[in-house]
Amino acid sequence: AQSALHAGIDLATVFCAKEASVPIKCYSPELMVQGVYSVEELDTLLDQERGLLEALEQCKQSNDLMTNEMNEMDMLQTMEKLEHSKEKQNILIQSELKKDDQMELLVERLEKMKHLEEELQILRKRQQVSVASIVHTITSTFPTLHALCIGPGLGRHPLVFSAGGVA
């Protein structure tokens, strides 16, 4: 924008983060400055996504451990069924009850994972809407501008970068 002013443009419009609009305007009064997005809001959306992805990963790891443990129990039970003592049969019954409890826990964890994945989809939709809104705000002013100079800035934020299909 500063280069455009030096090249003879009377007015240059800068689209930037709301947090940066006042310092930029103070730096050069000839610039038309529009804060069209909030870095804090975009960072919050990105942090929420990271939190959900981390929670999903923890659930997956926990489910994998439980599934492996249940498979080991099944193998041990099969081996023990070959021997028919009453004491061993009681142990088998108790382990079957434990297995039922573990199955219920596994089902609960799978439901939690499904809920987390749904939350993640909703969040990603909010991210897309947010980025689309920013882009629309900027592009809707293009017809009123005499010259357009696009520089780095908004596209550097990881959320916008990934929404552009680059990440």
N, C-alpha and C. Protein backbone atom coordinates (compact mmCIF):
# COMPACT_ATOMS: atom_id res chain seq x y z
N ALA A 1 0.84 -1.18 0.00
CA ALA A 1 0.00 0.00 0.00
C ALA A 1 0.88 1.25 0.00
N GLN A 2 1.94 1.21 0.80
CA GLN A 2 2.86 2.35 0.85
C GLN A 2 3.50 2.58 -0.51
N SER A 3 3.85 1.51 -1.20
CA SER A 3 4.44 1.62 -2.54
C SER A 3 3.45 2.23 -3.51
N ALA A 4 2.18 1.87 -3.40
CA ALA A 4 1.16 2.45 -4.26
C ALA A 4 1.06 3.95 -4.05
N LEU A 5 1.12 4.39 -2.80
CA LEU A 5 1.09 5.82 -2.51
C LEU A 5 2.30 6.53 -3.11
N HIS A 6 3.47 5.91 -2.99
CA HIS A 6 4.69 6.48 -3.56
C HIS A 6 4.62 6.52 -5.09
N ALA A 7 3.88 5.61 -5.69
CA ALA A 7 3.77 5.56 -7.15
C ALA A 7 2.76 6.57 -7.68
N GLY A 8 2.07 7.30 -6.78
CA GLY A 8 1.16 8.35 -7.23
C GLY A 8 -0.31 8.08 -6.98
N ILE A 9 -0.66 6.95 -6.39
CA ILE A 9 -2.06 6.67 -6.07
C ILE A 9 -2.46 7.63 -4.94
N ASP A 10 -3.63 8.27 -5.09
CA ASP A 10 -4.09 9.21 -4.05
C ASP A 10 -4.52 8.51 -2.79
N LEU A 11 -5.27 7.45 -2.94
CA LEU A 11 -5.76 6.70 -1.80
C LEU A 11 -5.49 5.22 -1.99
N ALA A 12 -5.08 4.57 -0.96
CA ALA A 12 -4.88 3.12 -1.00
C ALA A 12 -5.64 2.52 0.18
N THR A 13 -6.30 1.41 -0.09
CA THR A 13 -7.06 0.74 0.96
C THR A 13 -6.29 -0.48 1.43
N VAL A 14 -6.19 -0.59 2.74
CA VAL A 14 -5.52 -1.73 3.35
C VAL A 14 -6.56 -2.54 4.11
N PHE A 15 -6.67 -3.81 3.78
CA PHE A 15 -7.53 -4.73 4.51
C PHE A 15 -6.62 -5.49 5.47
N CYS A 16 -6.95 -5.45 6.74
CA CYS A 16 -6.04 -6.04 7.72
C CYS A 16 -6.83 -6.55 8.93
N ALA A 17 -6.08 -7.06 9.89
CA ALA A 17 -6.68 -7.50 11.14
C ALA A 17 -7.18 -6.28 11.91
N LYS A 18 -8.29 -6.45 12.60
CA LYS A 18 -8.84 -5.35 13.41
C LYS A 18 -7.80 -4.86 14.41
N GLU A 19 -7.01 -5.80 14.94
CA GLU A 19 -6.00 -5.45 15.93
C GLU A 19 -4.90 -4.56 15.34
N ALA A 20 -4.69 -4.62 14.03
CA ALA A 20 -3.62 -3.86 13.40
C ALA A 20 -4.10 -2.58 12.74
N SER A 21 -5.41 -2.37 12.65
CA SER A 21 -5.92 -1.24 11.87
C SER A 21 -5.51 0.12 12.43
N VAL A 22 -5.54 0.33 13.74
CA VAL A 22 -5.17 1.62 14.32
C VAL A 22 -3.68 1.91 14.12
N PRO A 23 -2.78 0.95 14.45
CA PRO A 23 -1.36 1.26 14.20
C PRO A 23 -1.05 1.55 12.73
N ILE A 24 -1.69 0.84 11.82
CA ILE A 24 -1.45 1.08 10.39
C ILE A 24 -1.96 2.47 10.00
N LYS A 25 -3.13 2.83 10.47
CA LYS A 25 -3.72 4.15 10.16
C LYS A 25 -2.83 5.26 10.72
N CYS A 26 -2.30 5.05 11.92
CA CYS A 26 -1.42 6.05 12.52
C CYS A 26 -0.12 6.19 11.73
N TYR A 27 0.32 5.11 11.17
CA TYR A 27 1.58 5.09 10.42
C TYR A 27 1.47 5.93 9.15
N SER A 28 0.34 5.83 8.48
CA SER A 28 0.17 6.57 7.23
C SER A 28 -1.28 7.02 7.09
N PRO A 29 -1.56 8.29 7.36
CA PRO A 29 -2.95 8.79 7.31
C PRO A 29 -3.57 8.72 5.91
N GLU A 30 -2.75 8.61 4.86
CA GLU A 30 -3.29 8.56 3.49
C GLU A 30 -3.95 7.21 3.19
N LEU A 31 -3.66 6.24 4.03
CA LEU A 31 -4.21 4.90 3.79
C LEU A 31 -5.63 4.80 4.32
N MET A 32 -6.47 4.15 3.53
CA MET A 32 -7.81 3.79 3.99
C MET A 32 -7.64 2.41 4.62
N VAL A 33 -7.93 2.30 5.90
CA VAL A 33 -7.66 1.05 6.61
C VAL A 33 -8.98 0.43 7.05
N GLN A 34 -9.16 -0.83 6.68
CA GLN A 34 -10.36 -1.56 7.09
C GLN A 34 -9.95 -2.84 7.81
N GLY A 35 -10.28 -2.90 9.08
CA GLY A 35 -10.06 -4.13 9.84
C GLY A 35 -11.20 -5.09 9.54
N VAL A 36 -10.90 -6.15 8.81
CA VAL A 36 -11.97 -7.05 8.34
C VAL A 36 -11.98 -8.41 9.04
N TYR A 37 -11.01 -8.67 9.87
CA TYR A 37 -11.00 -9.94 10.59
C TYR A 37 -10.27 -9.74 11.91
N SER A 38 -10.45 -10.68 12.79
CA SER A 38 -9.80 -10.63 14.08
C SER A 38 -8.86 -11.84 14.20
N VAL A 39 -7.60 -11.56 14.43
CA VAL A 39 -6.63 -12.64 14.61
C VAL A 39 -7.03 -13.48 15.82
N GLU A 40 -7.53 -12.80 16.85
CA GLU A 40 -7.93 -13.51 18.07
C GLU A 40 -9.05 -14.52 17.79
N GLU A 41 -10.03 -14.12 16.98
CA GLU A 41 -11.13 -15.03 16.64
C GLU A 41 -10.63 -16.22 15.82
N LEU A 42 -9.77 -15.93 14.84
CA LEU A 42 -9.23 -17.02 14.01
C LEU A 42 -8.36 -17.96 14.84
N ASP A 43 -7.56 -17.38 15.75
CA ASP A 43 -6.73 -18.22 16.63
C ASP A 43 -7.60 -19.08 17.53
N THR A 44 -8.70 -18.53 18.03
CA THR A 44 -9.60 -19.29 18.89
C THR A 44 -10.18 -20.49 18.13
N LEU A 45 -10.62 -20.25 16.90
CA LEU A 45 -11.16 -21.35 16.08
C LEU A 45 -10.10 -22.42 15.85
N LEU A 46 -8.88 -21.99 15.58
CA LEU A 46 -7.79 -22.92 15.34
C LEU A 46 -7.45 -23.71 16.60
N ASP A 47 -7.42 -23.04 17.75
CA ASP A 47 -7.15 -23.71 19.03
C ASP A 47 -8.24 -24.73 19.37
N GLN A 48 -9.49 -24.37 19.09
CA GLN A 48 -10.59 -25.31 19.34
C GLN A 48 -10.43 -26.56 18.47
N GLU A 49 -10.04 -26.37 17.22
CA GLU A 49 -9.83 -27.51 16.32
C GLU A 49 -8.71 -28.40 16.86
N ARG A 50 -7.62 -27.79 17.27
CA ARG A 50 -6.50 -28.58 17.81
C ARG A 50 -6.94 -29.36 19.04
N GLY A 51 -7.73 -28.74 19.92
CA GLY A 51 -8.21 -29.41 21.12
C GLY A 51 -9.08 -30.61 20.79
N LEU A 52 -9.99 -30.44 19.82
CA LEU A 52 -10.85 -31.55 19.42
C LEU A 52 -10.04 -32.68 18.79
N LEU A 53 -9.08 -32.33 17.95
CA LEU A 53 -8.24 -33.36 17.32
C LEU A 53 -7.44 -34.12 18.37
N GLU A 54 -6.95 -33.41 19.38
CA GLU A 54 -6.20 -34.06 20.45
C GLU A 54 -7.10 -35.00 21.26
N ALA A 55 -8.31 -34.55 21.57
CA ALA A 55 -9.25 -35.39 22.32
C ALA A 55 -9.62 -36.64 21.51
N LEU A 56 -9.82 -36.48 20.21
CA LEU A 56 -10.12 -37.63 19.35
C LEU A 56 -8.96 -38.62 19.34
N GLU A 57 -7.75 -38.13 19.26
CA GLU A 57 -6.58 -39.00 19.24
C GLU A 57 -6.47 -39.78 20.56
N GLN A 58 -6.72 -39.11 21.68
CA GLN A 58 -6.67 -39.78 22.98
C GLN A 58 -7.73 -40.88 23.07
N CYS A 59 -8.93 -40.59 22.56
CA CYS A 59 -9.98 -41.61 22.56
C CYS A 59 -9.59 -42.81 21.71
N LYS A 60 -9.03 -42.54 20.55
CA LYS A 60 -8.63 -43.64 19.66
C LYS A 60 -7.57 -44.52 20.33
N GLN A 61 -6.58 -43.87 20.96
CA GLN A 61 -5.53 -44.64 21.63
C GLN A 61 -6.11 -45.46 22.78
N SER A 62 -6.99 -44.87 23.55
CA SER A 62 -7.60 -45.57 24.68
C SER A 62 -8.44 -46.75 24.19
N ASN A 63 -9.18 -46.55 23.11
CA ASN A 63 -9.99 -47.64 22.54
C ASN A 63 -9.10 -48.76 22.01
N ASP A 64 -8.00 -48.40 21.38
CA ASP A 64 -7.08 -49.41 20.87
C ASP A 64 -6.52 -50.27 22.01
N LEU A 65 -6.14 -49.61 23.11
CA LEU A 65 -5.62 -50.35 24.27
C LEU A 65 -6.67 -51.30 24.83
N MET A 66 -7.90 -50.80 24.96
CA MET A 66 -8.97 -51.63 25.52
C MET A 66 -9.27 -52.80 24.60
N THR A 67 -9.31 -52.56 23.31
CA THR A 67 -9.59 -53.62 22.34
C THR A 67 -8.50 -54.70 22.40
N ASN A 68 -7.25 -54.26 22.48
CA ASN A 68 -6.14 -55.23 22.59
C ASN A 68 -6.27 -56.06 23.87
N GLU A 69 -6.61 -55.40 24.97
CA GLU A 69 -6.78 -56.11 26.24
C GLU A 69 -7.92 -57.13 26.15
N MET A 70 -9.00 -56.73 25.51
CA MET A 70 -10.14 -57.65 25.37
C MET A 70 -9.77 -58.84 24.49
N ASN A 71 -8.99 -58.61 23.45
CA ASN A 71 -8.56 -59.71 22.58
C ASN A 71 -7.66 -60.69 23.33
N GLU A 72 -6.80 -60.15 24.18
CA GLU A 72 -5.93 -61.01 24.99
C GLU A 72 -6.78 -61.85 25.95
N MET A 73 -7.80 -61.23 26.56
CA MET A 73 -8.67 -61.97 27.48
C MET A 73 -9.40 -63.09 26.74
N ASP A 74 -9.85 -62.81 25.53
CA ASP A 74 -10.54 -63.84 24.74
C ASP A 74 -9.63 -65.04 24.49
N MET A 75 -8.39 -64.76 24.17
CA MET A 75 -7.45 -65.83 23.89
C MET A 75 -7.19 -66.66 25.16
N LEU A 76 -7.02 -65.97 26.29
CA LEU A 76 -6.80 -66.69 27.55
C LEU A 76 -8.03 -67.53 27.93
N GLN A 77 -9.20 -66.98 27.72
CA GLN A 77 -10.43 -67.71 28.05
C GLN A 77 -10.57 -68.95 27.19
N THR A 78 -10.25 -68.84 25.94
CA THR A 78 -10.34 -70.00 25.05
C THR A 78 -9.41 -71.11 25.52
N MET A 79 -8.20 -70.69 25.93
CA MET A 79 -7.24 -71.69 26.41
C MET A 79 -7.74 -72.33 27.71
N GLU A 80 -8.35 -71.53 28.58
CA GLU A 80 -8.81 -72.06 29.87
C GLU A 80 -10.05 -72.93 29.72
N LYS A 81 -10.84 -72.69 28.71
CA LYS A 81 -12.04 -73.50 28.50
C LYS A 81 -11.68 -74.95 28.20
N LEU A 82 -10.47 -75.15 27.74
CA LEU A 82 -10.04 -76.51 27.44
C LEU A 82 -9.91 -77.33 28.73
N GLU A 83 -9.67 -76.65 29.85
CA GLU A 83 -9.60 -77.33 31.14
C GLU A 83 -10.92 -77.06 31.87
N HIS A 84 -11.54 -78.10 32.43
CA HIS A 84 -12.90 -77.95 32.93
C HIS A 84 -13.03 -77.98 34.45
N SER A 85 -12.18 -77.40 35.19
CA SER A 85 -12.36 -77.39 36.64
C SER A 85 -13.41 -76.34 37.01
N LYS A 86 -14.15 -76.56 38.10
CA LYS A 86 -15.21 -75.64 38.53
C LYS A 86 -14.63 -74.27 38.89
N GLU A 87 -13.48 -74.27 39.54
CA GLU A 87 -12.86 -73.01 39.92
C GLU A 87 -12.53 -72.17 38.69
N LYS A 88 -12.01 -72.82 37.68
CA LYS A 88 -11.68 -72.11 36.45
C LYS A 88 -12.94 -71.63 35.73
N GLN A 89 -14.01 -72.40 35.83
CA GLN A 89 -15.26 -71.97 35.22
C GLN A 89 -15.80 -70.72 35.91
N ASN A 90 -15.66 -70.65 37.24
CA ASN A 90 -16.09 -69.45 37.97
C ASN A 90 -15.26 -68.23 37.53
N ILE A 91 -13.97 -68.44 37.36
CA ILE A 91 -13.10 -67.35 36.91
C ILE A 91 -13.52 -66.90 35.51
N LEU A 92 -13.86 -67.86 34.67
CA LEU A 92 -14.32 -67.53 33.32
C LEU A 92 -15.61 -66.71 33.35
N ILE A 93 -16.52 -67.08 34.23
CA ILE A 93 -17.78 -66.34 34.36
C ILE A 93 -17.51 -64.91 34.80
N GLN A 94 -16.63 -64.76 35.79
CA GLN A 94 -16.28 -63.41 36.26
C GLN A 94 -15.61 -62.60 35.16
N SER A 95 -14.75 -63.24 34.40
CA SER A 95 -14.07 -62.51 33.32
C SER A 95 -15.06 -62.14 32.21
N GLU A 96 -16.08 -62.98 31.99
CA GLU A 96 -17.13 -62.64 31.00
C GLU A 96 -17.90 -61.41 31.45
N LEU A 97 -18.21 -61.34 32.76
CA LEU A 97 -18.89 -60.16 33.30
C LEU A 97 -18.03 -58.92 33.13
N LYS A 98 -16.74 -59.06 33.39
CA LYS A 98 -15.81 -57.96 33.22
C LYS A 98 -15.76 -57.54 31.75
N LYS A 99 -15.81 -58.52 30.88
CA LYS A 99 -15.78 -58.24 29.44
C LYS A 99 -17.02 -57.46 29.03
N ASP A 100 -18.19 -57.80 29.60
CA ASP A 100 -19.41 -57.07 29.31
C ASP A 100 -19.29 -55.60 29.73
N ASP A 101 -18.70 -55.39 30.92
CA ASP A 101 -18.49 -54.01 31.40
C ASP A 101 -17.55 -53.26 30.46
N GLN A 102 -16.51 -53.94 29.99
CA GLN A 102 -15.57 -53.31 29.08
C GLN A 102 -16.23 -52.99 27.74
N MET A 103 -17.13 -53.86 27.30
CA MET A 103 -17.85 -53.61 26.05
C MET A 103 -18.71 -52.36 26.19
N GLU A 104 -19.39 -52.24 27.34
CA GLU A 104 -20.20 -51.04 27.58
C GLU A 104 -19.33 -49.79 27.57
N LEU A 105 -18.18 -49.86 28.21
CA LEU A 105 -17.25 -48.73 28.24
C LEU A 105 -16.74 -48.41 26.84
N LEU A 106 -16.46 -49.44 26.07
CA LEU A 106 -16.00 -49.24 24.70
C LEU A 106 -17.08 -48.55 23.87
N VAL A 107 -18.31 -48.99 24.02
CA VAL A 107 -19.43 -48.37 23.29
C VAL A 107 -19.56 -46.89 23.69
N GLU A 108 -19.43 -46.59 24.99
CA GLU A 108 -19.49 -45.20 25.45
C GLU A 108 -18.38 -44.37 24.82
N ARG A 109 -17.19 -44.95 24.77
CA ARG A 109 -16.06 -44.22 24.19
C ARG A 109 -16.25 -43.99 22.69
N LEU A 110 -16.81 -44.98 22.01
CA LEU A 110 -17.07 -44.83 20.58
C LEU A 110 -18.13 -43.75 20.34
N GLU A 111 -19.12 -43.69 21.21
CA GLU A 111 -20.13 -42.63 21.10
C GLU A 111 -19.50 -41.26 21.35
N LYS A 112 -18.58 -41.19 22.31
CA LYS A 112 -17.87 -39.93 22.58
C LYS A 112 -17.05 -39.52 21.37
N MET A 113 -16.40 -40.49 20.73
CA MET A 113 -15.62 -40.18 19.53
C MET A 113 -16.52 -39.65 18.42
N LYS A 114 -17.68 -40.27 18.27
CA LYS A 114 -18.63 -39.82 17.24
C LYS A 114 -19.05 -38.38 17.53
N HIS A 115 -19.32 -38.09 18.81
CA HIS A 115 -19.72 -36.74 19.20
C HIS A 115 -18.58 -35.74 18.92
N LEU A 116 -17.34 -36.12 19.24
CA LEU A 116 -16.19 -35.25 18.98
C LEU A 116 -16.02 -34.99 17.49
N GLU A 117 -16.21 -36.03 16.68
CA GLU A 117 -16.09 -35.88 15.22
C GLU A 117 -17.18 -34.96 14.69
N GLU A 118 -18.40 -35.06 15.25
CA GLU A 118 -19.47 -34.15 14.84
C GLU A 118 -19.13 -32.71 15.22
N GLU A 119 -18.61 -32.52 16.44
CA GLU A 119 -18.19 -31.18 16.87
C GLU A 119 -17.12 -30.62 15.95
N LEU A 120 -16.18 -31.48 15.55
CA LEU A 120 -15.10 -31.07 14.67
C LEU A 120 -15.66 -30.62 13.32
N GLN A 121 -16.64 -31.36 12.79
CA GLN A 121 -17.25 -30.97 11.52
C GLN A 121 -17.95 -29.63 11.63
N ILE A 122 -18.66 -29.41 12.73
CA ILE A 122 -19.36 -28.13 12.95
C ILE A 122 -18.34 -27.00 13.05
N LEU A 123 -17.26 -27.24 13.78
CA LEU A 123 -16.22 -26.22 13.93
C LEU A 123 -15.58 -25.89 12.59
N ARG A 124 -15.29 -26.91 11.81
CA ARG A 124 -14.67 -26.66 10.50
C ARG A 124 -15.63 -25.88 9.59
N LYS A 125 -16.91 -26.14 9.72
CA LYS A 125 -17.90 -25.40 8.95
C LYS A 125 -17.88 -23.93 9.37
N ARG A 126 -17.78 -23.69 10.70
CA ARG A 126 -17.70 -22.31 11.22
C ARG A 126 -16.44 -21.63 10.69
N GLN A 127 -15.35 -22.37 10.62
CA GLN A 127 -14.10 -21.81 10.10
C GLN A 127 -14.28 -21.39 8.64
N GLN A 128 -14.89 -22.26 7.85
CA GLN A 128 -15.10 -21.96 6.44
C GLN A 128 -15.99 -20.73 6.27
N VAL A 129 -17.05 -20.65 7.08
CA VAL A 129 -17.97 -19.51 7.01
C VAL A 129 -17.23 -18.23 7.39
N SER A 130 -16.40 -18.30 8.41
CA SER A 130 -15.64 -17.14 8.86
C SER A 130 -14.70 -16.64 7.76
N VAL A 131 -13.95 -17.55 7.17
CA VAL A 131 -13.01 -17.17 6.11
C VAL A 131 -13.77 -16.66 4.89
N ALA A 132 -14.87 -17.31 4.53
CA ALA A 132 -15.67 -16.87 3.38
C ALA A 132 -16.22 -15.47 3.62
N SER A 133 -16.62 -15.19 4.84
CA SER A 133 -17.13 -13.86 5.19
C SER A 133 -16.05 -12.79 5.02
N ILE A 134 -14.84 -13.11 5.46
CA ILE A 134 -13.72 -12.17 5.31
C ILE A 134 -13.45 -11.91 3.83
N VAL A 135 -13.39 -12.98 3.07
CA VAL A 135 -13.11 -12.84 1.62
C VAL A 135 -14.22 -12.04 0.95
N HIS A 136 -15.47 -12.30 1.32
CA HIS A 136 -16.60 -11.56 0.73
C HIS A 136 -16.52 -10.08 1.09
N THR A 137 -16.19 -9.78 2.35
CA THR A 137 -16.07 -8.39 2.77
C THR A 137 -15.04 -7.66 1.93
N ILE A 138 -13.94 -8.31 1.68
CA ILE A 138 -12.87 -7.68 0.89
C ILE A 138 -13.26 -7.57 -0.58
N THR A 139 -13.72 -8.68 -1.16
CA THR A 139 -14.00 -8.67 -2.61
C THR A 139 -15.21 -7.80 -2.97
N SER A 140 -16.12 -7.60 -2.03
CA SER A 140 -17.29 -6.76 -2.34
C SER A 140 -16.90 -5.30 -2.55
N THR A 141 -15.74 -4.89 -2.05
CA THR A 141 -15.28 -3.51 -2.24
C THR A 141 -14.46 -3.32 -3.51
N PHE A 142 -14.10 -4.40 -4.18
CA PHE A 142 -13.25 -4.29 -5.37
C PHE A 142 -13.80 -3.34 -6.44
N PRO A 143 -15.10 -3.39 -6.75
CA PRO A 143 -15.61 -2.50 -7.82
C PRO A 143 -15.44 -1.00 -7.49
N THR A 144 -15.35 -0.65 -6.23
CA THR A 144 -15.22 0.76 -5.85
C THR A 144 -13.77 1.22 -5.81
N LEU A 145 -12.84 0.32 -5.95
CA LEU A 145 -11.43 0.68 -5.87
C LEU A 145 -10.89 1.02 -7.25
N HIS A 146 -10.01 2.01 -7.31
CA HIS A 146 -9.40 2.41 -8.59
C HIS A 146 -8.24 1.50 -8.95
N ALA A 147 -7.52 1.05 -7.95
CA ALA A 147 -6.39 0.16 -8.18
C ALA A 147 -6.38 -0.88 -7.07
N LEU A 148 -5.86 -2.02 -7.38
CA LEU A 148 -5.84 -3.10 -6.41
C LEU A 148 -4.42 -3.64 -6.30
N CYS A 149 -3.92 -3.62 -5.10
CA CYS A 149 -2.59 -4.15 -4.83
C CYS A 149 -2.74 -5.17 -3.71
N ILE A 150 -2.42 -6.42 -4.00
CA ILE A 150 -2.60 -7.47 -3.00
C ILE A 150 -1.24 -7.86 -2.45
N GLY A 151 -1.15 -7.82 -1.13
CA GLY A 151 0.11 -8.19 -0.49
C GLY A 151 -0.15 -9.26 0.55
N PRO A 152 0.90 -9.69 1.23
CA PRO A 152 0.74 -10.72 2.25
C PRO A 152 -0.01 -10.17 3.46
N GLY A 153 -0.47 -11.04 4.29
CA GLY A 153 -1.17 -10.62 5.50
C GLY A 153 -2.14 -11.68 5.94
N LEU A 154 -3.38 -11.53 5.54
CA LEU A 154 -4.44 -12.44 5.95
C LEU A 154 -4.11 -13.88 5.59
N GLY A 155 -3.55 -14.10 4.42
CA GLY A 155 -3.24 -15.44 3.97
C GLY A 155 -2.17 -16.14 4.80
N ARG A 156 -1.50 -15.39 5.67
CA ARG A 156 -0.46 -15.98 6.51
C ARG A 156 -1.05 -16.73 7.70
N HIS A 157 -2.28 -16.44 8.06
CA HIS A 157 -2.88 -17.13 9.21
C HIS A 157 -3.14 -18.58 8.83
N PRO A 158 -2.73 -19.53 9.69
CA PRO A 158 -2.87 -20.96 9.34
C PRO A 158 -4.30 -21.37 8.99
N LEU A 159 -5.29 -20.76 9.64
CA LEU A 159 -6.69 -21.12 9.37
C LEU A 159 -7.07 -20.72 7.95
N VAL A 160 -6.72 -19.52 7.54
CA VAL A 160 -7.03 -19.04 6.19
C VAL A 160 -6.21 -19.82 5.17
N PHE A 161 -4.97 -20.07 5.50
CA PHE A 161 -4.08 -20.83 4.62
C PHE A 161 -4.65 -22.21 4.35
N SER A 162 -5.12 -22.90 5.40
CA SER A 162 -5.68 -24.24 5.21
C SER A 162 -7.02 -24.19 4.50
N ALA A 163 -7.81 -23.12 4.73
CA ALA A 163 -9.10 -22.99 4.05
C ALA A 163 -8.91 -22.79 2.56
N GLY A 164 -7.75 -22.25 2.18
CA GLY A 164 -7.45 -22.06 0.77
C GLY A 164 -7.02 -23.35 0.10
N GLY A 165 -6.95 -24.45 0.85
CA GLY A 165 -6.62 -25.75 0.29
C GLY A 165 -5.13 -25.98 0.16
N VAL A 166 -4.33 -25.15 0.81
CA VAL A 166 -2.87 -25.28 0.67
C VAL A 166 -2.32 -26.24 1.71
N ALA A 167 -2.88 -26.23 2.91
CA ALA A 167 -2.32 -27.03 4.00
C ALA A 167 -2.59 -28.50 3.84
